[in-house]
Amino acid sequence: QVPLVESGGGLVQPGGSLRLSCAASGFNFKTYYMSWYRQPPGQEREFVAGISSSGGATNYADSVKGRFTIYRDNDKNMLYLQMNSLKSEDAAVYHCRGAAFWGQGTQVTVSS
């Protein structure tokens, strides 16, 4: 059983929106801080957004503030990233992270 599995990536035009999902299993999801990272082509992995175990506190990279929203459903063991007003520079493989686990990632491509 894979602890974290992302989905929801794809091709979107600049200005468009996507919602990424991360399904968690095998650990007590509701007790962990969770986060999203991304790795653009040829670059290092970078922090995107994080959320406290209860969902009451969030933090974001400056590059995505006001455009992305991280949230979670602890009843369903799910983490989400709503991405709006996407830019070409948002193109990357997006990974969720929590409890020392990394997901395998989902590809986001932003292109007209």
PDB file of N, CA and C in Angstrom:
ATOM      1  N   GLN A   1       0.850  -1.182   0.000  1.00  0.00           N
ATOM      2  CA  GLN A   1       0.000   0.000   0.000  1.00  0.00           C
ATOM      3  C   GLN A   1       0.888   1.235   0.000  1.00  0.00           C
ATOM      4  N   VAL A   2       0.662   2.097  -0.971  1.00  0.00           N
ATOM      5  CA  VAL A   2       1.457   3.311  -1.093  1.00  0.00           C
ATOM      6  C   VAL A   2       0.864   4.373  -0.187  1.00  0.00           C
ATOM      7  N   PRO A   3       1.684   4.964   0.692  1.00  0.00           N
ATOM      8  CA  PRO A   3       1.140   5.908   1.680  1.00  0.00           C
ATOM      9  C   PRO A   3       0.500   7.155   1.091  1.00  0.00           C
ATOM     10  N   LEU A   4       1.088   7.678   0.000  1.00  0.00           N
ATOM     11  CA  LEU A   4       0.574   8.916  -0.586  1.00  0.00           C
ATOM     12  C   LEU A   4       0.475   8.757  -2.099  1.00  0.00           C
ATOM     13  N   VAL A   5      -0.693   9.025  -2.644  1.00  0.00           N
ATOM     14  CA  VAL A   5      -0.897   8.915  -4.084  1.00  0.00           C
ATOM     15  C   VAL A   5      -1.573  10.183  -4.591  1.00  0.00           C
ATOM     16  N   GLU A   6      -0.863  10.877  -5.483  1.00  0.00           N
ATOM     17  CA  GLU A   6      -1.396  12.108  -6.049  1.00  0.00           C
ATOM     18  C   GLU A   6      -2.184  11.837  -7.325  1.00  0.00           C
ATOM     19  N   SER A   7      -3.088  12.737  -7.623  1.00  0.00           N
ATOM     20  CA  SER A   7      -3.845  12.687  -8.880  1.00  0.00           C
ATOM     21  C   SER A   7      -4.325  14.092  -9.203  1.00  0.00           C
ATOM     22  N   GLY A   8      -4.819  14.263 -10.428  1.00  0.00           N
ATOM     23  CA  GLY A   8      -5.410  15.533 -10.815  1.00  0.00           C
ATOM     24  C   GLY A   8      -4.565  16.402 -11.714  1.00  0.00           C
ATOM     25  N   GLY A   9      -3.335  15.996 -11.965  1.00  0.00           N
ATOM     26  CA  GLY A   9      -2.500  16.774 -12.860  1.00  0.00           C
ATOM     27  C   GLY A   9      -2.972  16.681 -14.295  1.00  0.00           C
ATOM     28  N   GLY A  10      -2.376  17.490 -15.144  1.00  0.00           N
ATOM     29  CA  GLY A  10      -2.739  17.462 -16.550  1.00  0.00           C
ATOM     30  C   GLY A  10      -2.268  18.702 -17.264  1.00  0.00           C
ATOM     31  N   LEU A  11      -2.792  18.888 -18.454  1.00  0.00           N
ATOM     32  CA  LEU A  11      -2.464  20.029 -19.295  1.00  0.00           C
ATOM     33  C   LEU A  11      -3.543  21.097 -19.122  1.00  0.00           C
ATOM     34  N   VAL A  12      -3.118  22.316 -18.868  1.00  0.00           N
ATOM     35  CA  VAL A  12      -4.054  23.416 -18.701  1.00  0.00           C
ATOM     36  C   VAL A  12      -3.477  24.653 -19.362  1.00  0.00           C
ATOM     37  N   GLN A  13      -4.337  25.507 -19.859  1.00  0.00           N
ATOM     38  CA  GLN A  13      -3.883  26.746 -20.478  1.00  0.00           C
ATOM     39  C   GLN A  13      -3.520  27.777 -19.418  1.00  0.00           C
ATOM     40  N   PRO A  14      -2.652  28.693 -19.750  1.00  0.00           N
ATOM     41  CA  PRO A  14      -2.359  29.786 -18.807  1.00  0.00           C
ATOM     42  C   PRO A  14      -3.645  30.491 -18.391  1.00  0.00           C
ATOM     43  N   GLY A  15      -3.749  30.757 -17.099  1.00  0.00           N
ATOM     44  CA  GLY A  15      -4.960  31.348 -16.559  1.00  0.00           C
ATOM     45  C   GLY A  15      -5.979  30.337 -16.091  1.00  0.00           C
ATOM     46  N   GLY A  16      -5.761  29.088 -16.403  1.00  0.00           N
ATOM     47  CA  GLY A  16      -6.703  28.041 -16.039  1.00  0.00           C
ATOM     48  C   GLY A  16      -6.520  27.551 -14.611  1.00  0.00           C
ATOM     49  N   SER A  17      -7.303  26.533 -14.287  1.00  0.00           N
ATOM     50  CA  SER A  17      -7.304  25.986 -12.927  1.00  0.00           C
ATOM     51  C   SER A  17      -7.188  24.470 -12.952  1.00  0.00           C
ATOM     52  N   LEU A  18      -6.633  23.942 -11.879  1.00  0.00           N
ATOM     53  CA  LEU A  18      -6.576  22.500 -11.642  1.00  0.00           C
ATOM     54  C   LEU A  18      -6.716  22.272 -10.150  1.00  0.00           C
ATOM     55  N   ARG A  19      -7.251  21.112  -9.803  1.00  0.00           N
ATOM     56  CA  ARG A  19      -7.251  20.709  -8.404  1.00  0.00           C
ATOM     57  C   ARG A  19      -6.495  19.390  -8.295  1.00  0.00           C
ATOM     58  N   LEU A  20      -5.442  19.417  -7.495  1.00  0.00           N
ATOM     59  CA  LEU A  20      -4.682  18.205  -7.216  1.00  0.00           C
ATOM     60  C   LEU A  20      -5.216  17.546  -5.954  1.00  0.00           C
ATOM     61  N   SER A  21      -5.167  16.229  -5.958  1.00  0.00           N
ATOM     62  CA  SER A  21      -5.587  15.452  -4.797  1.00  0.00           C
ATOM     63  C   SER A  21      -4.463  14.531  -4.362  1.00  0.00           C
ATOM     64  N   CYS A  22      -4.433  14.240  -3.079  1.00  0.00           N
ATOM     65  CA  CYS A  22      -3.453  13.309  -2.528  1.00  0.00           C
ATOM     66  C   CYS A  22      -4.186  12.395  -1.555  1.00  0.00           C
ATOM     67  N   ALA A  23      -4.234  11.123  -1.882  1.00  0.00           N
ATOM     68  CA  ALA A  23      -4.889  10.142  -1.025  1.00  0.00           C
ATOM     69  C   ALA A  23      -3.861   9.523  -0.090  1.00  0.00           C
ATOM     70  N   ALA A  24      -4.128   9.590   1.199  1.00  0.00           N
ATOM     71  CA  ALA A  24      -3.202   9.072   2.203  1.00  0.00           C
ATOM     72  C   ALA A  24      -3.730   7.776   2.798  1.00  0.00           C
ATOM     73  N   SER A  25      -2.817   6.878   3.107  1.00  0.00           N
ATOM     74  CA  SER A  25      -3.206   5.622   3.737  1.00  0.00           C
ATOM     75  C   SER A  25      -2.035   5.063   4.534  1.00  0.00           C
ATOM     76  N   GLY A  26      -2.353   4.240   5.521  1.00  0.00           N
ATOM     77  CA  GLY A  26      -1.319   3.543   6.266  1.00  0.00           C
ATOM     78  C   GLY A  26      -0.697   4.314   7.412  1.00  0.00           C
ATOM     79  N   PHE A  27      -1.155   5.514   7.661  1.00  0.00           N
ATOM     80  CA  PHE A  27      -0.686   6.277   8.810  1.00  0.00           C
ATOM     81  C   PHE A  27      -1.829   7.166   9.294  1.00  0.00           C
ATOM     82  N   ASN A  28      -1.648   7.720  10.486  1.00  0.00           N
ATOM     83  CA  ASN A  28      -2.721   8.504  11.100  1.00  0.00           C
ATOM     84  C   ASN A  28      -2.721   9.921  10.515  1.00  0.00           C
ATOM     85  N   PHE A  29      -3.301  10.009   9.334  1.00  0.00           N
ATOM     86  CA  PHE A  29      -3.262  11.233   8.533  1.00  0.00           C
ATOM     87  C   PHE A  29      -3.660  12.470   9.337  1.00  0.00           C
ATOM     88  N   LYS A  30      -4.690  12.383  10.110  1.00  0.00           N
ATOM     89  CA  LYS A  30      -5.244  13.576  10.749  1.00  0.00           C
ATOM     90  C   LYS A  30      -4.325  14.168  11.809  1.00  0.00           C
ATOM     91  N   THR A  31      -3.242  13.480  12.141  1.00  0.00           N
ATOM     92  CA  THR A  31      -2.329  14.009  13.153  1.00  0.00           C
ATOM     93  C   THR A  31      -1.086  14.672  12.558  1.00  0.00           C
ATOM     94  N   TYR A  32      -0.988  14.678  11.238  1.00  0.00           N
ATOM     95  CA  TYR A  32       0.224  15.173  10.599  1.00  0.00           C
ATOM     96  C   TYR A  32       0.027  16.457   9.809  1.00  0.00           C
ATOM     97  N   TYR A  33       1.004  17.332   9.939  1.00  0.00           N
ATOM     98  CA  TYR A  33       1.173  18.446   9.007  1.00  0.00           C
ATOM     99  C   TYR A  33       1.415  17.852   7.636  1.00  0.00           C
ATOM    100  N   MET A  34       0.760  18.418   6.622  1.00  0.00           N
ATOM    101  CA  MET A  34       0.915  17.937   5.257  1.00  0.00           C
ATOM    102  C   MET A  34       1.328  19.096   4.354  1.00  0.00           C
ATOM    103  N   SER A  35       1.962  18.772   3.260  1.00  0.00           N
ATOM    104  CA  SER A  35       2.428  19.825   2.374  1.00  0.00           C
ATOM    105  C   SER A  35       2.479  19.364   0.924  1.00  0.00           C
ATOM    106  N   TRP A  36       2.558  20.347   0.058  1.00  0.00           N
ATOM    107  CA  TRP A  36       2.774  20.133  -1.376  1.00  0.00           C
ATOM    108  C   TRP A  36       4.119  20.741  -1.742  1.00  0.00           C
ATOM    109  N   TYR A  37       4.848  20.006  -2.556  1.00  0.00           N
ATOM    110  CA  TYR A  37       6.085  20.471  -3.155  1.00  0.00           C
ATOM    111  C   TYR A  37       5.961  20.314  -4.663  1.00  0.00           C
ATOM    112  N   ARG A  38       6.848  20.998  -5.375  1.00  0.00           N
ATOM    113  CA  ARG A  38       6.873  20.808  -6.832  1.00  0.00           C
ATOM    114  C   ARG A  38       8.314  20.829  -7.325  1.00  0.00           C
ATOM    115  N   GLN A  39       8.521  20.157  -8.448  1.00  0.00           N
ATOM    116  CA  GLN A  39       9.840  20.126  -9.063  1.00  0.00           C
ATOM    117  C   GLN A  39       9.697  20.473 -10.533  1.00  0.00           C
ATOM    118  N   PRO A  40      10.042  21.718 -10.890  1.00  0.00           N
ATOM    119  CA  PRO A  40      10.004  22.098 -12.305  1.00  0.00           C
ATOM    120  C   PRO A  40      11.096  21.373 -13.075  1.00  0.00           C
ATOM    121  N   PRO A  41      10.963  21.288 -14.373  1.00  0.00           N
ATOM    122  CA  PRO A  41      11.978  20.594 -15.172  1.00  0.00           C
ATOM    123  C   PRO A  41      13.364  21.196 -14.969  1.00  0.00           C
ATOM    124  N   GLY A  42      14.328  20.353 -14.660  1.00  0.00           N
ATOM    125  CA  GLY A  42      15.707  20.791 -14.510  1.00  0.00           C
ATOM    126  C   GLY A  42      15.996  21.587 -13.248  1.00  0.00           C
ATOM    127  N   GLN A  43      15.035  21.636 -12.339  1.00  0.00           N
ATOM    128  CA  GLN A  43      15.226  22.425 -11.126  1.00  0.00           C
ATOM    129  C   GLN A  43      15.056  21.541  -9.893  1.00  0.00           C
ATOM    130  N   GLU A  44      15.377  22.102  -8.740  1.00  0.00           N
ATOM    131  CA  GLU A  44      15.237  21.375  -7.492  1.00  0.00           C
ATOM    132  C   GLU A  44      13.781  21.439  -7.009  1.00  0.00           C
ATOM    133  N   ARG A  45      13.469  20.470  -6.177  1.00  0.00           N
ATOM    134  CA  ARG A  45      12.125  20.439  -5.585  1.00  0.00           C
ATOM    135  C   ARG A  45      11.965  21.640  -4.663  1.00  0.00           C
ATOM    136  N   GLU A  46      10.795  22.261  -4.685  1.00  0.00           N
ATOM    137  CA  GLU A  46      10.550  23.444  -3.861  1.00  0.00           C
ATOM    138  C   GLU A  46       9.212  23.351  -3.147  1.00  0.00           C
ATOM    139  N   PHE A  47       9.146  23.981  -2.003  1.00  0.00           N
ATOM    140  CA  PHE A  47       7.933  24.019  -1.202  1.00  0.00           C
ATOM    141  C   PHE A  47       6.877  24.876  -1.893  1.00  0.00           C
ATOM    142  N   VAL A  48       5.630  24.403  -1.845  1.00  0.00           N
ATOM    143  CA  VAL A  48       4.510  25.147  -2.421  1.00  0.00           C
ATOM    144  C   VAL A  48       3.553  25.619  -1.333  1.00  0.00           C
ATOM    145  N   ALA A  49       3.083  24.680  -0.516  1.00  0.00           N
ATOM    146  CA  ALA A  49       2.079  25.021   0.500  1.00  0.00           C
ATOM    147  C   ALA A  49       2.057  23.959   1.575  1.00  0.00           C
ATOM    148  N   GLY A  50       1.667  24.368   2.785  1.00  0.00           N
ATOM    149  CA  GLY A  50       1.550  23.435   3.889  1.00  0.00           C
ATOM    150  C   GLY A  50       0.307  23.708   4.701  1.00  0.00           C
ATOM    151  N   ILE A  51      -0.137  22.692   5.434  1.00  0.00           N
ATOM    152  CA  ILE A  51      -1.361  22.819   6.224  1.00  0.00           C
ATOM    153  C   ILE A  51      -1.199  22.036   7.519  1.00  0.00           C
ATOM    154  N   SER A  52      -1.684  22.610   8.594  1.00  0.00           N
ATOM    155  CA  SER A  52      -1.596  21.957   9.895  1.00  0.00           C
ATOM    156  C   SER A  52      -2.487  20.728   9.951  1.00  0.00           C
ATOM    157  N   SER A  53      -2.325  19.943  10.975  1.00  0.00           N
ATOM    158  CA  SER A  53      -3.067  18.691  11.091  1.00  0.00           C
ATOM    159  C   SER A  53      -4.574  18.916  11.132  1.00  0.00           C
ATOM    160  N   SER A  54      -4.984  19.984  11.755  1.00  0.00           N
ATOM    161  CA  SER A  54      -6.427  20.281  11.846  1.00  0.00           C
ATOM    162  C   SER A  54      -6.955  21.012  10.627  1.00  0.00           C
ATOM    163  N   GLY A  55      -6.038  21.560   9.844  1.00  0.00           N
ATOM    164  CA  GLY A  55      -6.446  22.386   8.705  1.00  0.00           C
ATOM    165  C   GLY A  55      -6.610  23.848   9.059  1.00  0.00           C
ATOM    166  N   GLY A  56      -6.378  24.188  10.303  1.00  0.00           N
ATOM    167  CA  GLY A  56      -6.617  25.552  10.747  1.00  0.00           C
ATOM    168  C   GLY A  56      -5.532  26.551  10.388  1.00  0.00           C
ATOM    169  N   ALA A  57      -4.397  26.063  10.013  1.00  0.00           N
ATOM    170  CA  ALA A  57      -3.295  26.952   9.648  1.00  0.00           C
ATOM    171  C   ALA A  57      -2.679  26.496   8.346  1.00  0.00           C
ATOM    172  N   THR A  58      -2.399  27.456   7.487  1.00  0.00           N
ATOM    173  CA  THR A  58      -1.781  27.159   6.203  1.00  0.00           C
ATOM    174  C   THR A  58      -0.632  28.129   5.955  1.00  0.00           C
ATOM    175  N   ASN A  59       0.293  27.713   5.100  1.00  0.00           N
ATOM    176  CA  ASN A  59       1.353  28.608   4.667  1.00  0.00           C
ATOM    177  C   ASN A  59       1.686  28.307   3.217  1.00  0.00           C
ATOM    178  N   TYR A  60       2.171  29.331   2.529  1.00  0.00           N
ATOM    179  CA  TYR A  60       2.382  29.243   1.096  1.00  0.00           C
ATOM    180  C   TYR A  60       3.709  29.856   0.687  1.00  0.00           C
ATOM    181  N   ALA A  61       4.248  29.358  -0.398  1.00  0.00           N
ATOM    182  CA  ALA A  61       5.366  30.024  -1.041  1.00  0.00           C
ATOM    183  C   ALA A  61       4.860  31.347  -1.614  1.00  0.00           C
ATOM    184  N   ASP A  62       5.721  32.341  -1.619  1.00  0.00           N
ATOM    185  CA  ASP A  62       5.310  33.658  -2.111  1.00  0.00           C
ATOM    186  C   ASP A  62       4.821  33.578  -3.555  1.00  0.00           C
ATOM    187  N   SER A  63       5.390  32.683  -4.322  1.00  0.00           N
ATOM    188  CA  SER A  63       5.076  32.595  -5.746  1.00  0.00           C
ATOM    189  C   SER A  63       3.648  32.120  -6.013  1.00  0.00           C
ATOM    190  N   VAL A  64       2.998  31.516  -5.024  1.00  0.00           N
ATOM    191  CA  VAL A  64       1.652  30.985  -5.258  1.00  0.00           C
ATOM    192  C   VAL A  64       0.596  31.629  -4.376  1.00  0.00           C
ATOM    193  N   LYS A  65       0.999  32.498  -3.483  1.00  0.00           N
ATOM    194  CA  LYS A  65       0.037  33.147  -2.583  1.00  0.00           C
ATOM    195  C   LYS A  65      -1.039  33.881  -3.373  1.00  0.00           C
ATOM    196  N   GLY A  66      -2.279  33.683  -2.942  1.00  0.00           N
ATOM    197  CA  GLY A  66      -3.398  34.328  -3.613  1.00  0.00           C
ATOM    198  C   GLY A  66      -3.914  33.568  -4.818  1.00  0.00           C
ATOM    199  N   ARG A  67      -3.181  32.560  -5.270  1.00  0.00           N
ATOM    200  CA  ARG A  67      -3.616  31.774  -6.434  1.00  0.00           C
ATOM    201  C   ARG A  67      -3.907  30.311  -6.063  1.00  0.00           C
ATOM    202  N   PHE A  68      -3.149  29.778  -5.125  1.00  0.00           N
ATOM    203  CA  PHE A  68      -3.300  28.383  -4.728  1.00  0.00           C
ATOM    204  C   PHE A  68      -3.924  28.309  -3.331  1.00  0.00           C
ATOM    205  N   THR A  69      -4.689  27.256  -3.107  1.00  0.00           N
ATOM    206  CA  THR A  69      -5.277  27.011  -1.800  1.00  0.00           C
ATOM    207  C   THR A  69      -5.078  25.551  -1.423  1.00  0.00           C
ATOM    208  N   ILE A  70      -4.483  25.332  -0.267  1.00  0.00           N
ATOM    209  CA  ILE A  70      -4.311  23.976   0.248  1.00  0.00           C
ATOM    210  C   ILE A  70      -5.410  23.716   1.276  1.00  0.00           C
ATOM    211  N   TYR A  71      -5.981  22.522   1.226  1.00  0.00           N
ATOM    212  CA  TYR A  71      -6.974  22.154   2.228  1.00  0.00           C
ATOM    213  C   TYR A  71      -6.993  20.641   2.358  1.00  0.00           C
ATOM    214  N   ARG A  72      -7.675  20.170   3.375  1.00  0.00           N
ATOM    215  CA  ARG A  72      -7.661  18.733   3.642  1.00  0.00           C
ATOM    216  C   ARG A  72      -9.014  18.276   4.165  1.00  0.00           C
ATOM    217  N   ASP A  73      -9.260  16.995   4.017  1.00  0.00           N
ATOM    218  CA  ASP A  73     -10.457  16.355   4.565  1.00  0.00           C
ATOM    219  C   ASP A  73      -9.966  15.194   5.423  1.00  0.00           C
ATOM    220  N   ASN A  74      -9.920  15.403   6.706  1.00  0.00           N
ATOM    221  CA  ASN A  74      -9.372  14.376   7.591  1.00  0.00           C
ATOM    222  C   ASN A  74     -10.286  13.152   7.713  1.00  0.00           C
ATOM    223  N   ASP A  75     -11.550  13.333   7.412  1.00  0.00           N
ATOM    224  CA  ASP A  75     -12.461  12.172   7.443  1.00  0.00           C
ATOM    225  C   ASP A  75     -12.185  11.227   6.284  1.00  0.00           C
ATOM    226  N   LYS A  76     -11.714  11.781   5.185  1.00  0.00           N
ATOM    227  CA  LYS A  76     -11.456  10.990   3.984  1.00  0.00           C
ATOM    228  C   LYS A  76      -9.967  10.727   3.757  1.00  0.00           C
ATOM    229  N   ASN A  77      -9.117  11.208   4.646  1.00  0.00           N
ATOM    230  CA  ASN A  77      -7.659  11.077   4.486  1.00  0.00           C
ATOM    231  C   ASN A  77      -7.188  11.645   3.143  1.00  0.00           C
ATOM    232  N   MET A  78      -7.668  12.828   2.835  1.00  0.00           N
ATOM    233  CA  MET A  78      -7.357  13.455   1.564  1.00  0.00           C
ATOM    234  C   MET A  78      -6.749  14.843   1.759  1.00  0.00           C
ATOM    235  N   LEU A  79      -5.781  15.150   0.931  1.00  0.00           N
ATOM    236  CA  LEU A  79      -5.156  16.463   0.861  1.00  0.00           C
ATOM    237  C   LEU A  79      -5.404  17.013  -0.544  1.00  0.00           C
ATOM    238  N   TYR A  80      -5.625  18.326  -0.624  1.00  0.00           N
ATOM    239  CA  TYR A  80      -5.929  18.937  -1.916  1.00  0.00           C
ATOM    240  C   TYR A  80      -5.081  20.189  -2.133  1.00  0.00           C
ATOM    241  N   LEU A  81      -4.938  20.530  -3.397  1.00  0.00           N
ATOM    242  CA  LEU A  81      -4.331  21.800  -3.774  1.00  0.00           C
ATOM    243  C   LEU A  81      -5.140  22.365  -4.924  1.00  0.00           C
ATOM    244  N   GLN A  82      -5.884  23.423  -4.650  1.00  0.00           N
ATOM    245  CA  GLN A  82      -6.618  24.128  -5.693  1.00  0.00           C
ATOM    246  C   GLN A  82      -5.698  25.181  -6.287  1.00  0.00           C
ATOM    247  N   MET A  83      -5.486  25.082  -7.595  1.00  0.00           N
ATOM    248  CA  MET A  83      -4.567  25.980  -8.278  1.00  0.00           C
ATOM    249  C   MET A  83      -5.338  26.799  -9.296  1.00  0.00           C
ATOM    250  N   ASN A  84      -5.341  28.096  -9.119  1.00  0.00           N
ATOM    251  CA  ASN A  84      -6.031  29.008 -10.029  1.00  0.00           C
ATOM    252  C   ASN A  84      -5.025  29.947 -10.676  1.00  0.00           C
ATOM    253  N   SER A  85      -5.465  30.577 -11.748  1.00  0.00           N
ATOM    254  CA  SER A  85      -4.620  31.555 -12.457  1.00  0.00           C
ATOM    255  C   SER A  85      -3.247  30.974 -12.749  1.00  0.00           C
ATOM    256  N   LEU A  86      -3.219  29.793 -13.290  1.00  0.00           N
ATOM    257  CA  LEU A  86      -1.952  29.094 -13.515  1.00  0.00           C
ATOM    258  C   LEU A  86      -1.101  29.819 -14.542  1.00  0.00           C
ATOM    259  N   LYS A  87       0.199  29.768 -14.283  1.00  0.00           N
ATOM    260  CA  LYS A  87       1.191  30.399 -15.142  1.00  0.00           C
ATOM    261  C   LYS A  87       2.124  29.319 -15.689  1.00  0.00           C
ATOM    262  N   SER A  88       2.845  29.681 -16.731  1.00  0.00           N
ATOM    263  CA  SER A  88       3.784  28.717 -17.316  1.00  0.00           C
ATOM    264  C   SER A  88       4.815  28.264 -16.283  1.00  0.00           C
ATOM    265  N   GLU A  89       5.179  29.151 -15.398  1.00  0.00           N
ATOM    266  CA  GLU A  89       6.189  28.801 -14.393  1.00  0.00           C
ATOM    267  C   GLU A  89       5.664  27.877 -13.300  1.00  0.00           C
ATOM    268  N   ASP A  90       4.369  27.600 -13.302  1.00  0.00           N
ATOM    269  CA  ASP A  90       3.811  26.630 -12.359  1.00  0.00           C
ATOM    270  C   ASP A  90       3.953  25.198 -12.862  1.00  0.00           C
ATOM    271  N   ALA A  91       4.379  25.028 -14.079  1.00  0.00           N
ATOM    272  CA  ALA A  91       4.542  23.692 -14.638  1.00  0.00           C
ATOM    273  C   ALA A  91       5.612  22.923 -13.866  1.00  0.00           C
ATOM    274  N   ALA A  92       5.252  21.741 -13.422  1.00  0.00           N
ATOM    275  CA  ALA A  92       6.165  20.956 -12.586  1.00  0.00           C
ATOM    276  C   ALA A  92       5.511  19.614 -12.271  1.00  0.00           C
ATOM    277  N   VAL A  93       6.301  18.754 -11.662  1.00  0.00           N
ATOM    278  CA  VAL A  93       5.724  17.570 -11.026  1.00  0.00           C
ATOM    279  C   VAL A  93       5.414  17.951  -9.584  1.00  0.00           C
ATOM    280  N   TYR A  94       4.183  17.752  -9.186  1.00  0.00           N
ATOM    281  CA  TYR A  94       3.727  18.129  -7.848  1.00  0.00           C
ATOM    282  C   TYR A  94       3.660  16.891  -6.965  1.00  0.00           C
ATOM    283  N   HIS A  95       4.252  17.027  -5.777  1.00  0.00           N
ATOM    284  CA  HIS A  95       4.302  15.929  -4.820  1.00  0.00           C
ATOM    285  C   HIS A  95       3.642  16.333  -3.521  1.00  0.00           C
ATOM    286  N   CYS A  96       2.919  15.417  -2.906  1.00  0.00           N
ATOM    287  CA  CYS A  96       2.478  15.668  -1.543  1.00  0.00           C
ATOM    288  C   CYS A  96       3.443  14.984  -0.583  1.00  0.00           C
ATOM    289  N   ARG A  97       3.495  15.551   0.617  1.00  0.00           N
ATOM    290  CA  ARG A  97       4.446  15.067   1.615  1.00  0.00           C
ATOM    291  C   ARG A  97       3.791  15.079   2.983  1.00  0.00           C
ATOM    292  N   GLY A  98       4.096  14.058   3.765  1.00  0.00           N
ATOM    293  CA  GLY A  98       3.624  14.026   5.133  1.00  0.00           C
ATOM    294  C   GLY A  98       4.098  12.787   5.843  1.00  0.00           C
ATOM    295  N   ALA A  99       4.322  12.890   7.133  1.00  0.00           N
ATOM    296  CA  ALA A  99       4.745  11.751   7.956  1.00  0.00           C
ATOM    297  C   ALA A  99       5.972  11.067   7.383  1.00  0.00           C
ATOM    298  N   ALA A 100       6.884  11.845   6.839  1.00  0.00           N
ATOM    299  CA  ALA A 100       8.143  11.356   6.255  1.00  0.00           C
ATOM    300  C   ALA A 100       7.953  10.614   4.941  1.00  0.00           C
ATOM    301  N   PHE A 101       6.732  10.634   4.404  1.00  0.00           N
ATOM    302  CA  PHE A 101       6.479  10.014   3.119  1.00  0.00           C
ATOM    303  C   PHE A 101       6.408  11.070   2.021  1.00  0.00           C
ATOM    304  N   TRP A 102       6.746  10.636   0.817  1.00  0.00           N
ATOM    305  CA  TRP A 102       6.560  11.440  -0.389  1.00  0.00           C
ATOM    306  C   TRP A 102       5.694  10.648  -1.355  1.00  0.00           C
ATOM    307  N   GLY A 103       4.800  11.368  -2.029  1.00  0.00           N
ATOM    308  CA  GLY A 103       4.088  10.722  -3.111  1.00  0.00           C
ATOM    309  C   GLY A 103       4.945  10.696  -4.354  1.00  0.00           C
ATOM    310  N   GLN A 104       4.506   9.931  -5.342  1.00  0.00           N
ATOM    311  CA  GLN A 104       5.278   9.795  -6.571  1.00  0.00           C
ATOM    312  C   GLN A 104       5.136  10.997  -7.489  1.00  0.00           C
ATOM    313  N   GLY A 105       4.112  11.768  -7.298  1.00  0.00           N
ATOM    314  CA  GLY A 105       3.965  12.995  -8.051  1.00  0.00           C
ATOM    315  C   GLY A 105       2.939  12.926  -9.164  1.00  0.00           C
ATOM    316  N   THR A 106       2.449  14.101  -9.538  1.00  0.00           N
ATOM    317  CA  THR A 106       1.531  14.231 -10.657  1.00  0.00           C
ATOM    318  C   THR A 106       1.995  15.427 -11.489  1.00  0.00           C
ATOM    319  N   GLN A 107       2.003  15.251 -12.788  1.00  0.00           N
ATOM    320  CA  GLN A 107       2.559  16.255 -13.699  1.00  0.00           C
ATOM    321  C   GLN A 107       1.531  17.340 -14.001  1.00  0.00           C
ATOM    322  N   VAL A 108       1.967  18.579 -13.883  1.00  0.00           N
ATOM    323  CA  VAL A 108       1.152  19.723 -14.283  1.00  0.00           C
ATOM    324  C   VAL A 108       1.874  20.443 -15.416  1.00  0.00           C
ATOM    325  N   THR A 109       1.194  20.584 -16.529  1.00  0.00           N
ATOM    326  CA  THR A 109       1.738  21.284 -17.686  1.00  0.00           C
ATOM    327  C   THR A 109       0.857  22.485 -17.980  1.00  0.00           C
ATOM    328  N   VAL A 110       1.473  23.633 -18.110  1.00  0.00           N
ATOM    329  CA  VAL A 110       0.737  24.864 -18.387  1.00  0.00           C
ATOM    330  C   VAL A 110       1.220  25.390 -19.732  1.00  0.00           C
ATOM    331  N   SER A 111       0.340  25.323 -20.710  1.00  0.00           N
ATOM    332  CA  SER A 111       0.735  25.701 -22.057  1.00  0.00           C
ATOM    333  C   SER A 111      -0.495  26.024 -22.886  1.00  0.00           C
ATOM    334  N   SER A 112      -0.332  26.960 -23.797  1.00  0.00           N
ATOM    335  CA  SER A 112      -1.428  27.277 -24.709  1.00  0.00           C
ATOM    336  C   SER A 112      -1.311  26.457 -25.988  1.00  0.00           C
TER     337      SER A 112
END
